[in-house]
Amino acid sequence: MNNYELMVIFTPVLSEEDFKAAQKKYTAFVKENGGKVVHENPWGLKSLAYPIQKKTTGLYWVLEYSTPSDFNEKLQIQILRDETILRFMITKLDKYAVEYNNRKRSGVPSNNEKVEA
């Protein structure tokens, strides 16, 4: 089982219900294929650095999961079929990234953050 992070930018015209339904769809897809969802984080509506399909904003969503390595091909096919997704990126996380994400979620300050005196 490898650890991955999926970042998706959905089209901004989705309603709140459609946005949540899309999140549930992909988390269920991970679980159905023998994976485990570690953490999900809907960022919400953010402005884009450059227009994509004439849109200047997008609904961001980040999913951290662990699955067998052959799963990402299936996931990519599902994402490419979905017309509500503007962009996506799958990143393989090494042990240091997983550890950093766990510390960040638990609120433990990392070594490179500034401490106010």
PDB file of N, CA and C in Angstrom:
ATOM      1  N   MET A   1       0.845  -1.179   0.000  1.00  0.00           N
ATOM      2  CA  MET A   1       0.000   0.000   0.000  1.00  0.00           C
ATOM      3  C   MET A   1       0.889   1.240   0.000  1.00  0.00           C
ATOM      4  N   ASN A   2       0.666   2.095  -0.968  1.00  0.00           N
ATOM      5  CA  ASN A   2       1.396   3.349  -1.079  1.00  0.00           C
ATOM      6  C   ASN A   2       0.498   4.504  -0.660  1.00  0.00           C
ATOM      7  N   ASN A   3       1.103   5.585  -0.237  1.00  0.00           N
ATOM      8  CA  ASN A   3       0.359   6.776   0.173  1.00  0.00           C
ATOM      9  C   ASN A   3       0.358   7.790  -0.961  1.00  0.00           C
ATOM     10  N   TYR A   4      -0.809   8.374  -1.205  1.00  0.00           N
ATOM     11  CA  TYR A   4      -0.975   9.337  -2.281  1.00  0.00           C
ATOM     12  C   TYR A   4      -1.792  10.526  -1.798  1.00  0.00           C
ATOM     13  N   GLU A   5      -1.663  11.615  -2.543  1.00  0.00           N
ATOM     14  CA  GLU A   5      -2.482  12.797  -2.307  1.00  0.00           C
ATOM     15  C   GLU A   5      -3.079  13.208  -3.647  1.00  0.00           C
ATOM     16  N   LEU A   6      -4.380  13.400  -3.659  1.00  0.00           N
ATOM     17  CA  LEU A   6      -5.100  13.814  -4.858  1.00  0.00           C
ATOM     18  C   LEU A   6      -5.624  15.222  -4.633  1.00  0.00           C
ATOM     19  N   MET A   7      -5.263  16.132  -5.524  1.00  0.00           N
ATOM     20  CA  MET A   7      -5.820  17.477  -5.467  1.00  0.00           C
ATOM     21  C   MET A   7      -6.670  17.672  -6.725  1.00  0.00           C
ATOM     22  N   VAL A   8      -7.904  18.104  -6.526  1.00  0.00           N
ATOM     23  CA  VAL A   8      -8.847  18.263  -7.623  1.00  0.00           C
ATOM     24  C   VAL A   8      -9.385  19.686  -7.614  1.00  0.00           C
ATOM     25  N   ILE A   9      -9.521  20.257  -8.807  1.00  0.00           N
ATOM     26  CA  ILE A   9     -10.195  21.547  -8.958  1.00  0.00           C
ATOM     27  C   ILE A   9     -11.475  21.281  -9.740  1.00  0.00           C
ATOM     28  N   PHE A  10     -12.598  21.438  -9.058  1.00  0.00           N
ATOM     29  CA  PHE A  10     -13.905  21.271  -9.684  1.00  0.00           C
ATOM     30  C   PHE A  10     -14.363  22.603 -10.274  1.00  0.00           C
ATOM     31  N   THR A  11     -15.275  22.535 -11.230  1.00  0.00           N
ATOM     32  CA  THR A  11     -15.836  23.738 -11.821  1.00  0.00           C
ATOM     33  C   THR A  11     -16.595  24.538 -10.754  1.00  0.00           C
ATOM     34  N   PRO A  12     -16.524  25.861 -10.788  1.00  0.00           N
ATOM     35  CA  PRO A  12     -17.157  26.668  -9.736  1.00  0.00           C
ATOM     36  C   PRO A  12     -18.677  26.734  -9.826  1.00  0.00           C
ATOM     37  N   VAL A  13     -19.278  26.226 -10.879  1.00  0.00           N
ATOM     38  CA  VAL A  13     -20.732  26.309 -11.025  1.00  0.00           C
ATOM     39  C   VAL A  13     -21.456  25.177 -10.289  1.00  0.00           C
ATOM     40  N   LEU A  14     -20.713  24.290  -9.625  1.00  0.00           N
ATOM     41  CA  LEU A  14     -21.347  23.218  -8.860  1.00  0.00           C
ATOM     42  C   LEU A  14     -22.037  23.779  -7.622  1.00  0.00           C
ATOM     43  N   SER A  15     -23.182  23.213  -7.303  1.00  0.00           N
ATOM     44  CA  SER A  15     -23.838  23.586  -6.047  1.00  0.00           C
ATOM     45  C   SER A  15     -23.122  22.889  -4.899  1.00  0.00           C
ATOM     46  N   GLU A  16     -23.422  23.297  -3.684  1.00  0.00           N
ATOM     47  CA  GLU A  16     -22.790  22.697  -2.502  1.00  0.00           C
ATOM     48  C   GLU A  16     -23.090  21.201  -2.427  1.00  0.00           C
ATOM     49  N   GLU A  17     -24.325  20.812  -2.772  1.00  0.00           N
ATOM     50  CA  GLU A  17     -24.702  19.401  -2.739  1.00  0.00           C
ATOM     51  C   GLU A  17     -23.939  18.599  -3.781  1.00  0.00           C
ATOM     52  N   ASP A  18     -23.787  19.164  -4.993  1.00  0.00           N
ATOM     53  CA  ASP A  18     -23.052  18.465  -6.046  1.00  0.00           C
ATOM     54  C   ASP A  18     -21.576  18.323  -5.688  1.00  0.00           C
ATOM     55  N   PHE A  19     -21.016  19.344  -5.057  1.00  0.00           N
ATOM     56  CA  PHE A  19     -19.624  19.313  -4.636  1.00  0.00           C
ATOM     57  C   PHE A  19     -19.410  18.214  -3.596  1.00  0.00           C
ATOM     58  N   LYS A  20     -20.316  18.112  -2.624  1.00  0.00           N
ATOM     59  CA  LYS A  20     -20.211  17.075  -1.601  1.00  0.00           C
ATOM     60  C   LYS A  20     -20.453  15.687  -2.191  1.00  0.00           C
ATOM     61  N   ALA A  21     -21.368  15.593  -3.159  1.00  0.00           N
ATOM     62  CA  ALA A  21     -21.640  14.306  -3.804  1.00  0.00           C
ATOM     63  C   ALA A  21     -20.419  13.823  -4.588  1.00  0.00           C
ATOM     64  N   ALA A  22     -19.720  14.736  -5.243  1.00  0.00           N
ATOM     65  CA  ALA A  22     -18.515  14.366  -5.983  1.00  0.00           C
ATOM     66  C   ALA A  22     -17.424  13.900  -5.031  1.00  0.00           C
ATOM     67  N   GLN A  23     -17.302  14.546  -3.880  1.00  0.00           N
ATOM     68  CA  GLN A  23     -16.322  14.127  -2.878  1.00  0.00           C
ATOM     69  C   GLN A  23     -16.637  12.716  -2.387  1.00  0.00           C
ATOM     70  N   LYS A  24     -17.912  12.461  -2.087  1.00  0.00           N
ATOM     71  CA  LYS A  24     -18.323  11.141  -1.613  1.00  0.00           C
ATOM     72  C   LYS A  24     -18.087  10.081  -2.682  1.00  0.00           C
ATOM     73  N   LYS A  25     -18.300  10.452  -3.936  1.00  0.00           N
ATOM     74  CA  LYS A  25     -18.116   9.513  -5.043  1.00  0.00           C
ATOM     75  C   LYS A  25     -16.673   9.023  -5.107  1.00  0.00           C
ATOM     76  N   TYR A  26     -15.729   9.936  -4.987  1.00  0.00           N
ATOM     77  CA  TYR A  26     -14.325   9.549  -5.112  1.00  0.00           C
ATOM     78  C   TYR A  26     -13.795   8.880  -3.841  1.00  0.00           C
ATOM     79  N   THR A  27     -14.269   9.271  -2.674  1.00  0.00           N
ATOM     80  CA  THR A  27     -13.852   8.565  -1.456  1.00  0.00           C
ATOM     81  C   THR A  27     -14.410   7.138  -1.465  1.00  0.00           C
ATOM     82  N   ALA A  28     -15.635   6.966  -1.938  1.00  0.00           N
ATOM     83  CA  ALA A  28     -16.219   5.627  -2.047  1.00  0.00           C
ATOM     84  C   ALA A  28     -15.460   4.795  -3.071  1.00  0.00           C
ATOM     85  N   PHE A  29     -15.026   5.417  -4.157  1.00  0.00           N
ATOM     86  CA  PHE A  29     -14.273   4.706  -5.191  1.00  0.00           C
ATOM     87  C   PHE A  29     -12.948   4.191  -4.635  1.00  0.00           C
ATOM     88  N   VAL A  30     -12.304   4.987  -3.806  1.00  0.00           N
ATOM     89  CA  VAL A  30     -11.048   4.559  -3.176  1.00  0.00           C
ATOM     90  C   VAL A  30     -11.313   3.360  -2.266  1.00  0.00           C
ATOM     91  N   LYS A  31     -12.364   3.438  -1.448  1.00  0.00           N
ATOM     92  CA  LYS A  31     -12.673   2.361  -0.507  1.00  0.00           C
ATOM     93  C   LYS A  31     -13.107   1.078  -1.221  1.00  0.00           C
ATOM     94  N   GLU A  32     -13.871   1.215  -2.321  1.00  0.00           N
ATOM     95  CA  GLU A  32     -14.335   0.049  -3.073  1.00  0.00           C
ATOM     96  C   GLU A  32     -13.184  -0.735  -3.690  1.00  0.00           C
ATOM     97  N   ASN A  33     -12.092  -0.054  -4.004  1.00  0.00           N
ATOM     98  CA  ASN A  33     -10.957  -0.697  -4.651  1.00  0.00           C
ATOM     99  C   ASN A  33      -9.856  -1.070  -3.658  1.00  0.00           C
ATOM    100  N   GLY A  34     -10.211  -1.257  -2.407  1.00  0.00           N
ATOM    101  CA  GLY A  34      -9.273  -1.752  -1.419  1.00  0.00           C
ATOM    102  C   GLY A  34      -8.371  -0.701  -0.807  1.00  0.00           C
ATOM    103  N   GLY A  35      -8.714   0.564  -0.967  1.00  0.00           N
ATOM    104  CA  GLY A  35      -7.899   1.626  -0.402  1.00  0.00           C
ATOM    105  C   GLY A  35      -8.444   2.121   0.918  1.00  0.00           C
ATOM    106  N   LYS A  36      -7.686   3.025   1.519  1.00  0.00           N
ATOM    107  CA  LYS A  36      -8.088   3.606   2.795  1.00  0.00           C
ATOM    108  C   LYS A  36      -7.936   5.119   2.702  1.00  0.00           C
ATOM    109  N   VAL A  37      -8.999   5.844   3.024  1.00  0.00           N
ATOM    110  CA  VAL A  37      -8.948   7.304   3.024  1.00  0.00           C
ATOM    111  C   VAL A  37      -8.323   7.750   4.342  1.00  0.00           C
ATOM    112  N   VAL A  38      -7.213   8.471   4.247  1.00  0.00           N
ATOM    113  CA  VAL A  38      -6.512   8.944   5.434  1.00  0.00           C
ATOM    114  C   VAL A  38      -7.094  10.275   5.903  1.00  0.00           C
ATOM    115  N   HIS A  39      -7.286  11.194   4.949  1.00  0.00           N
ATOM    116  CA  HIS A  39      -7.786  12.519   5.302  1.00  0.00           C
ATOM    117  C   HIS A  39      -8.334  13.191   4.047  1.00  0.00           C
ATOM    118  N   GLU A  40      -9.400  13.951   4.207  1.00  0.00           N
ATOM    119  CA  GLU A  40      -9.886  14.766   3.096  1.00  0.00           C
ATOM    120  C   GLU A  40     -10.112  16.182   3.581  1.00  0.00           C
ATOM    121  N   ASN A  41      -9.852  17.125   2.697  1.00  0.00           N
ATOM    122  CA  ASN A  41      -9.902  18.529   3.072  1.00  0.00           C
ATOM    123  C   ASN A  41     -10.505  19.342   1.926  1.00  0.00           C
ATOM    124  N   PRO A  42     -11.788  19.711   2.022  1.00  0.00           N
ATOM    125  CA  PRO A  42     -12.364  20.591   0.999  1.00  0.00           C
ATOM    126  C   PRO A  42     -11.949  22.044   1.265  1.00  0.00           C
ATOM    127  N   TRP A  43     -11.199  22.607   0.355  1.00  0.00           N
ATOM    128  CA  TRP A  43     -10.740  23.988   0.520  1.00  0.00           C
ATOM    129  C   TRP A  43     -11.815  24.988   0.144  1.00  0.00           C
ATOM    130  N   GLY A  44     -12.724  24.590  -0.735  1.00  0.00           N
ATOM    131  CA  GLY A  44     -13.785  25.491  -1.159  1.00  0.00           C
ATOM    132  C   GLY A  44     -13.386  26.305  -2.380  1.00  0.00           C
ATOM    133  N   LEU A  45     -14.054  27.425  -2.553  1.00  0.00           N
ATOM    134  CA  LEU A  45     -13.865  28.263  -3.735  1.00  0.00           C
ATOM    135  C   LEU A  45     -12.610  29.127  -3.597  1.00  0.00           C
ATOM    136  N   LYS A  46     -11.709  28.989  -4.565  1.00  0.00           N
ATOM    137  CA  LYS A  46     -10.466  29.771  -4.595  1.00  0.00           C
ATOM    138  C   LYS A  46     -10.287  30.315  -6.009  1.00  0.00           C
ATOM    139  N   SER A  47      -9.580  31.423  -6.112  1.00  0.00           N
ATOM    140  CA  SER A  47      -9.307  31.965  -7.444  1.00  0.00           C
ATOM    141  C   SER A  47      -8.129  31.217  -8.049  1.00  0.00           C
ATOM    142  N   LEU A  48      -8.149  31.070  -9.365  1.00  0.00           N
ATOM    143  CA  LEU A  48      -7.115  30.352 -10.095  1.00  0.00           C
ATOM    144  C   LEU A  48      -6.003  31.304 -10.514  1.00  0.00           C
ATOM    145  N   ALA A  49      -4.816  30.782 -10.683  1.00  0.00           N
ATOM    146  CA  ALA A  49      -3.676  31.599 -11.112  1.00  0.00           C
ATOM    147  C   ALA A  49      -3.852  32.046 -12.562  1.00  0.00           C
ATOM    148  N   TYR A  50      -4.533  31.234 -13.352  1.00  0.00           N
ATOM    149  CA  TYR A  50      -4.811  31.565 -14.749  1.00  0.00           C
ATOM    150  C   TYR A  50      -6.152  30.938 -15.117  1.00  0.00           C
ATOM    151  N   PRO A  51      -6.853  31.500 -16.097  1.00  0.00           N
ATOM    152  CA  PRO A  51      -8.169  30.948 -16.451  1.00  0.00           C
ATOM    153  C   PRO A  51      -8.062  29.532 -17.029  1.00  0.00           C
ATOM    154  N   ILE A  52      -8.991  28.672 -16.615  1.00  0.00           N
ATOM    155  CA  ILE A  52      -9.116  27.323 -17.152  1.00  0.00           C
ATOM    156  C   ILE A  52     -10.535  27.200 -17.685  1.00  0.00           C
ATOM    157  N   GLN A  53     -10.674  26.923 -18.970  1.00  0.00           N
ATOM    158  CA  GLN A  53     -11.984  26.829 -19.627  1.00  0.00           C
ATOM    159  C   GLN A  53     -12.812  28.088 -19.355  1.00  0.00           C
ATOM    160  N   LYS A  54     -12.161  29.239 -19.445  1.00  0.00           N
ATOM    161  CA  LYS A  54     -12.770  30.562 -19.258  1.00  0.00           C
ATOM    162  C   LYS A  54     -13.315  30.773 -17.846  1.00  0.00           C
ATOM    163  N   LYS A  55     -12.820  30.025 -16.882  1.00  0.00           N
ATOM    164  CA  LYS A  55     -13.232  30.187 -15.484  1.00  0.00           C
ATOM    165  C   LYS A  55     -12.043  30.694 -14.685  1.00  0.00           C
ATOM    166  N   THR A  56     -12.291  31.640 -13.780  1.00  0.00           N
ATOM    167  CA  THR A  56     -11.209  32.231 -12.991  1.00  0.00           C
ATOM    168  C   THR A  56     -11.220  31.744 -11.546  1.00  0.00           C
ATOM    169  N   THR A  57     -12.216  30.933 -11.165  1.00  0.00           N
ATOM    170  CA  THR A  57     -12.279  30.353  -9.828  1.00  0.00           C
ATOM    171  C   THR A  57     -12.546  28.852  -9.944  1.00  0.00           C
ATOM    172  N   GLY A  58     -12.308  28.138  -8.867  1.00  0.00           N
ATOM    173  CA  GLY A  58     -12.559  26.706  -8.855  1.00  0.00           C
ATOM    174  C   GLY A  58     -12.753  26.221  -7.430  1.00  0.00           C
ATOM    175  N   LEU A  59     -13.426  25.093  -7.291  1.00  0.00           N
ATOM    176  CA  LEU A  59     -13.645  24.459  -5.993  1.00  0.00           C
ATOM    177  C   LEU A  59     -12.534  23.438  -5.765  1.00  0.00           C
ATOM    178  N   TYR A  60     -11.692  23.710  -4.779  1.00  0.00           N
ATOM    179  CA  TYR A  60     -10.553  22.846  -4.500  1.00  0.00           C
ATOM    180  C   TYR A  60     -10.915  21.776  -3.481  1.00  0.00           C
ATOM    181  N   TRP A  61     -10.318  20.590  -3.669  1.00  0.00           N
ATOM    182  CA  TRP A  61     -10.519  19.479  -2.742  1.00  0.00           C
ATOM    183  C   TRP A  61      -9.249  18.634  -2.713  1.00  0.00           C
ATOM    184  N   VAL A  62      -8.785  18.297  -1.516  1.00  0.00           N
ATOM    185  CA  VAL A  62      -7.573  17.498  -1.348  1.00  0.00           C
ATOM    186  C   VAL A  62      -7.933  16.210  -0.614  1.00  0.00           C
ATOM    187  N   LEU A  63      -7.485  15.082  -1.154  1.00  0.00           N
ATOM    188  CA  LEU A  63      -7.753  13.769  -0.569  1.00  0.00           C
ATOM    189  C   LEU A  63      -6.432  13.049  -0.369  1.00  0.00           C
ATOM    190  N   GLU A  64      -6.177  12.610   0.859  1.00  0.00           N
ATOM    191  CA  GLU A  64      -4.991  11.803   1.149  1.00  0.00           C
ATOM    192  C   GLU A  64      -5.470  10.378   1.369  1.00  0.00           C
ATOM    193  N   TYR A  65      -4.868   9.422   0.668  1.00  0.00           N
ATOM    194  CA  TYR A  65      -5.322   8.040   0.737  1.00  0.00           C
ATOM    195  C   TYR A  65      -4.144   7.084   0.559  1.00  0.00           C
ATOM    196  N   SER A  66      -4.361   5.824   0.928  1.00  0.00           N
ATOM    197  CA  SER A  66      -3.361   4.782   0.694  1.00  0.00           C
ATOM    198  C   SER A  66      -4.039   3.631  -0.034  1.00  0.00           C
ATOM    199  N   THR A  67      -3.415   3.200  -1.132  1.00  0.00           N
ATOM    200  CA  THR A  67      -3.958   2.141  -1.983  1.00  0.00           C
ATOM    201  C   THR A  67      -2.813   1.369  -2.627  1.00  0.00           C
ATOM    202  N   PRO A  68      -3.126   0.226  -3.246  1.00  0.00           N
ATOM    203  CA  PRO A  68      -2.118  -0.450  -4.066  1.00  0.00           C
ATOM    204  C   PRO A  68      -1.736   0.433  -5.266  1.00  0.00           C
ATOM    205  N   SER A  69      -0.561   0.207  -5.807  1.00  0.00           N
ATOM    206  CA  SER A  69      -0.039   1.099  -6.840  1.00  0.00           C
ATOM    207  C   SER A  69      -0.831   1.054  -8.146  1.00  0.00           C
ATOM    208  N   ASP A  70      -1.504  -0.036  -8.461  1.00  0.00           N
ATOM    209  CA  ASP A  70      -2.236  -0.107  -9.725  1.00  0.00           C
ATOM    210  C   ASP A  70      -3.584   0.627  -9.691  1.00  0.00           C
ATOM    211  N   PHE A  71      -3.987   1.123  -8.532  1.00  0.00           N
ATOM    212  CA  PHE A  71      -5.286   1.795  -8.396  1.00  0.00           C
ATOM    213  C   PHE A  71      -5.333   3.136  -9.122  1.00  0.00           C
ATOM    214  N   ASN A  72      -4.222   3.855  -9.170  1.00  0.00           N
ATOM    215  CA  ASN A  72      -4.229   5.214  -9.724  1.00  0.00           C
ATOM    216  C   ASN A  72      -4.644   5.258 -11.192  1.00  0.00           C
ATOM    217  N   GLU A  73      -4.378   4.205 -11.946  1.00  0.00           N
ATOM    218  CA  GLU A  73      -4.816   4.166 -13.341  1.00  0.00           C
ATOM    219  C   GLU A  73      -6.342   4.157 -13.418  1.00  0.00           C
ATOM    220  N   LYS A  74      -6.982   3.378 -12.565  1.00  0.00           N
ATOM    221  CA  LYS A  74      -8.452   3.332 -12.524  1.00  0.00           C
ATOM    222  C   LYS A  74      -9.022   4.686 -12.103  1.00  0.00           C
ATOM    223  N   LEU A  75      -8.387   5.284 -11.099  1.00  0.00           N
ATOM    224  CA  LEU A  75      -8.847   6.586 -10.614  1.00  0.00           C
ATOM    225  C   LEU A  75      -8.716   7.645 -11.694  1.00  0.00           C
ATOM    226  N   GLN A  76      -7.616   7.639 -12.407  1.00  0.00           N
ATOM    227  CA  GLN A  76      -7.396   8.620 -13.466  1.00  0.00           C
ATOM    228  C   GLN A  76      -8.442   8.486 -14.570  1.00  0.00           C
ATOM    229  N   ILE A  77      -8.824   7.272 -14.913  1.00  0.00           N
ATOM    230  CA  ILE A  77      -9.865   7.061 -15.929  1.00  0.00           C
ATOM    231  C   ILE A  77     -11.186   7.658 -15.458  1.00  0.00           C
ATOM    232  N   GLN A  78     -11.525   7.432 -14.186  1.00  0.00           N
ATOM    233  CA  GLN A  78     -12.774   7.989 -13.645  1.00  0.00           C
ATOM    234  C   GLN A  78     -12.750   9.511 -13.638  1.00  0.00           C
ATOM    235  N   ILE A  79     -11.611  10.080 -13.285  1.00  0.00           N
ATOM    236  CA  ILE A  79     -11.503  11.545 -13.223  1.00  0.00           C
ATOM    237  C   ILE A  79     -11.598  12.148 -14.617  1.00  0.00           C
ATOM    238  N   LEU A  80     -10.947  11.533 -15.596  1.00  0.00           N
ATOM    239  CA  LEU A  80     -10.983  12.072 -16.959  1.00  0.00           C
ATOM    240  C   LEU A  80     -12.382  11.993 -17.573  1.00  0.00           C
ATOM    241  N   ARG A  81     -13.199  11.065 -17.094  1.00  0.00           N
ATOM    242  CA  ARG A  81     -14.586  10.965 -17.579  1.00  0.00           C
ATOM    243  C   ARG A  81     -15.502  12.026 -16.967  1.00  0.00           C
ATOM    244  N   ASP A  82     -15.088  12.588 -15.847  1.00  0.00           N
ATOM    245  CA  ASP A  82     -15.911  13.542 -15.103  1.00  0.00           C
ATOM    246  C   ASP A  82     -15.755  14.944 -15.699  1.00  0.00           C
ATOM    247  N   GLU A  83     -16.829  15.507 -16.206  1.00  0.00           N
ATOM    248  CA  GLU A  83     -16.777  16.820 -16.853  1.00  0.00           C
ATOM    249  C   GLU A  83     -16.762  17.973 -15.862  1.00  0.00           C
ATOM    250  N   THR A  84     -17.008  17.698 -14.583  1.00  0.00           N
ATOM    251  CA  THR A  84     -17.015  18.774 -13.589  1.00  0.00           C
ATOM    252  C   THR A  84     -15.621  19.088 -13.069  1.00  0.00           C
ATOM    253  N   ILE A  85     -14.624  18.293 -13.449  1.00  0.00           N
ATOM    254  CA  ILE A  85     -13.256  18.495 -12.974  1.00  0.00           C
ATOM    255  C   ILE A  85     -12.467  19.292 -14.000  1.00  0.00           C
ATOM    256  N   LEU A  86     -11.914  20.422 -13.539  1.00  0.00           N
ATOM    257  CA  LEU A  86     -11.084  21.249 -14.406  1.00  0.00           C
ATOM    258  C   LEU A  86      -9.647  20.725 -14.470  1.00  0.00           C
ATOM    259  N   ARG A  87      -9.062  20.436 -13.309  1.00  0.00           N
ATOM    260  CA  ARG A  87      -7.693  19.933 -13.219  1.00  0.00           C
ATOM    261  C   ARG A  87      -7.592  18.977 -12.031  1.00  0.00           C
ATOM    262  N   PHE A  88      -6.595  18.082 -12.091  1.00  0.00           N
ATOM    263  CA  PHE A  88      -6.317  17.210 -10.961  1.00  0.00           C
ATOM    264  C   PHE A  88      -4.838  16.870 -10.952  1.00  0.00           C
ATOM    265  N   MET A  89      -4.353  16.463  -9.797  1.00  0.00           N
ATOM    266  CA  MET A  89      -2.962  16.053  -9.662  1.00  0.00           C
ATOM    267  C   MET A  89      -2.863  14.984  -8.581  1.00  0.00           C
ATOM    268  N   ILE A  90      -2.230  13.862  -8.926  1.00  0.00           N
ATOM    269  CA  ILE A  90      -1.993  12.785  -7.974  1.00  0.00           C
ATOM    270  C   ILE A  90      -0.508  12.797  -7.635  1.00  0.00           C
ATOM    271  N   THR A  91      -0.206  12.858  -6.346  1.00  0.00           N
ATOM    272  CA  THR A  91       1.172  12.902  -5.884  1.00  0.00           C
ATOM    273  C   THR A  91       1.429  11.726  -4.955  1.00  0.00           C
ATOM    274  N   LYS A  92       2.525  10.999  -5.202  1.00  0.00           N
ATOM    275  CA  LYS A  92       2.913   9.921  -4.297  1.00  0.00           C
ATOM    276  C   LYS A  92       3.662  10.531  -3.120  1.00  0.00           C
ATOM    277  N   LEU A  93       3.244  10.165  -1.912  1.00  0.00           N
ATOM    278  CA  LEU A  93       3.842  10.716  -0.701  1.00  0.00           C
ATOM    279  C   LEU A  93       4.878   9.740  -0.140  1.00  0.00           C
ATOM    280  N   ASP A  94       6.056  10.257   0.186  1.00  0.00           N
ATOM    281  CA  ASP A  94       7.041   9.422   0.853  1.00  0.00           C
ATOM    282  C   ASP A  94       6.779   9.448   2.363  1.00  0.00           C
ATOM    283  N   LYS A  95       7.589   8.732   3.121  1.00  0.00           N
ATOM    284  CA  LYS A  95       7.332   8.617   4.561  1.00  0.00           C
ATOM    285  C   LYS A  95       7.464   9.963   5.264  1.00  0.00           C
ATOM    286  N   TYR A  96       8.309  10.850   4.747  1.00  0.00           N
ATOM    287  CA  TYR A  96       8.487  12.159   5.368  1.00  0.00           C
ATOM    288  C   TYR A  96       7.259  13.047   5.140  1.00  0.00           C
ATOM    289  N   ALA A  97       6.670  12.961   3.963  1.00  0.00           N
ATOM    290  CA  ALA A  97       5.465  13.745   3.672  1.00  0.00           C
ATOM    291  C   ALA A  97       4.288  13.254   4.507  1.00  0.00           C
ATOM    292  N   VAL A  98       4.179  11.957   4.676  1.00  0.00           N
ATOM    293  CA  VAL A  98       3.098  11.396   5.499  1.00  0.00           C
ATOM    294  C   VAL A  98       3.263  11.847   6.945  1.00  0.00           C
ATOM    295  N   GLU A  99       4.492  11.790   7.433  1.00  0.00           N
ATOM    296  CA  GLU A  99       4.769  12.221   8.799  1.00  0.00           C
ATOM    297  C   GLU A  99       4.475  13.716   8.976  1.00  0.00           C
ATOM    298  N   TYR A 100       4.873  14.520   7.989  1.00  0.00           N
ATOM    299  CA  TYR A 100       4.612  15.961   8.042  1.00  0.00           C
ATOM    300  C   TYR A 100       3.112  16.238   8.054  1.00  0.00           C
ATOM    301  N   ASN A 101       2.359  15.569   7.189  1.00  0.00           N
ATOM    302  CA  ASN A 101       0.904  15.773   7.146  1.00  0.00           C
ATOM    303  C   ASN A 101       0.249  15.387   8.466  1.00  0.00           C
ATOM    304  N   ASN A 102       0.706  14.287   9.085  1.00  0.00           N
ATOM    305  CA  ASN A 102       0.149  13.869  10.375  1.00  0.00           C
ATOM    306  C   ASN A 102       0.431  14.896  11.453  1.00  0.00           C
ATOM    307  N   ARG A 103       1.667  15.417  11.480  1.00  0.00           N
ATOM    308  CA  ARG A 103       2.012  16.443  12.466  1.00  0.00           C
ATOM    309  C   ARG A 103       1.211  17.710  12.243  1.00  0.00           C
ATOM    310  N   LYS A 104       1.054  18.089  11.002  1.00  0.00           N
ATOM    311  CA  LYS A 104       0.320  19.318  10.675  1.00  0.00           C
ATOM    312  C   LYS A 104      -1.147  19.201  11.101  1.00  0.00           C
ATOM    313  N   ARG A 105      -1.762  18.050  10.851  1.00  0.00           N
ATOM    314  CA  ARG A 105      -3.164  17.837  11.239  1.00  0.00           C
ATOM    315  C   ARG A 105      -3.340  17.824  12.749  1.00  0.00           C
ATOM    316  N   SER A 106      -2.353  17.290  13.470  1.00  0.00           N
ATOM    317  CA  SER A 106      -2.486  17.196  14.919  1.00  0.00           C
ATOM    318  C   SER A 106      -2.126  18.499  15.630  1.00  0.00           C
ATOM    319  N   GLY A 107      -1.589  19.474  14.896  1.00  0.00           N
ATOM    320  CA  GLY A 107      -1.294  20.773  15.476  1.00  0.00           C
ATOM    321  C   GLY A 107       0.081  20.886  16.081  1.00  0.00           C
ATOM    322  N   VAL A 108       0.929  19.887  15.890  1.00  0.00           N
ATOM    323  CA  VAL A 108       2.294  19.934  16.417  1.00  0.00           C
ATOM    324  C   VAL A 108       3.127  20.829  15.508  1.00  0.00           C
ATOM    325  N   PRO A 109       3.792  21.851  16.058  1.00  0.00           N
ATOM    326  CA  PRO A 109       4.593  22.721  15.195  1.00  0.00           C
ATOM    327  C   PRO A 109       5.795  21.974  14.640  1.00  0.00           C
ATOM    328  N   SER A 110       6.116  22.253  13.371  1.00  0.00           N
ATOM    329  CA  SER A 110       7.273  21.616  12.752  1.00  0.00           C
ATOM    330  C   SER A 110       8.513  22.460  13.018  1.00  0.00           C
ATOM    331  N   ASN A 111       9.655  21.938  12.670  1.00  0.00           N
ATOM    332  CA  ASN A 111      10.921  22.605  12.953  1.00  0.00           C
ATOM    333  C   ASN A 111      11.111  23.871  12.131  1.00  0.00           C
ATOM    334  N   ASN A 112      10.498  23.940  10.956  1.00  0.00           N
ATOM    335  CA  ASN A 112      10.738  25.081  10.078  1.00  0.00           C
ATOM    336  C   ASN A 112       9.730  26.209  10.260  1.00  0.00           C
ATOM    337  N   GLU A 113       8.793  26.091  11.191  1.00  0.00           N
ATOM    338  CA  GLU A 113       7.832  27.170  11.431  1.00  0.00           C
ATOM    339  C   GLU A 113       8.404  28.163  12.436  1.00  0.00           C
ATOM    340  N   LYS A 114       8.060  29.426  12.245  1.00  0.00           N
ATOM    341  CA  LYS A 114       8.547  30.468  13.166  1.00  0.00           C
ATOM    342  C   LYS A 114       7.712  30.449  14.440  1.00  0.00           C
ATOM    343  N   VAL A 115       8.394  30.562  15.543  1.00  0.00           N
ATOM    344  CA  VAL A 115       7.726  30.595  16.853  1.00  0.00           C
ATOM    345  C   VAL A 115       7.762  32.034  17.340  1.00  0.00           C
ATOM    346  N   GLU A 116       6.579  32.560  17.677  1.00  0.00           N
ATOM    347  CA  GLU A 116       6.518  33.941  18.165  1.00  0.00           C
ATOM    348  C   GLU A 116       6.897  33.994  19.638  1.00  0.00           C
ATOM    349  N   ALA A 117       7.742  34.951  19.975  1.00  0.00           N
ATOM    350  CA  ALA A 117       8.198  35.060  21.365  1.00  0.00           C
ATOM    351  C   ALA A 117       7.405  36.081  22.134  1.00  0.00           C
TER     352      ALA A 117
END
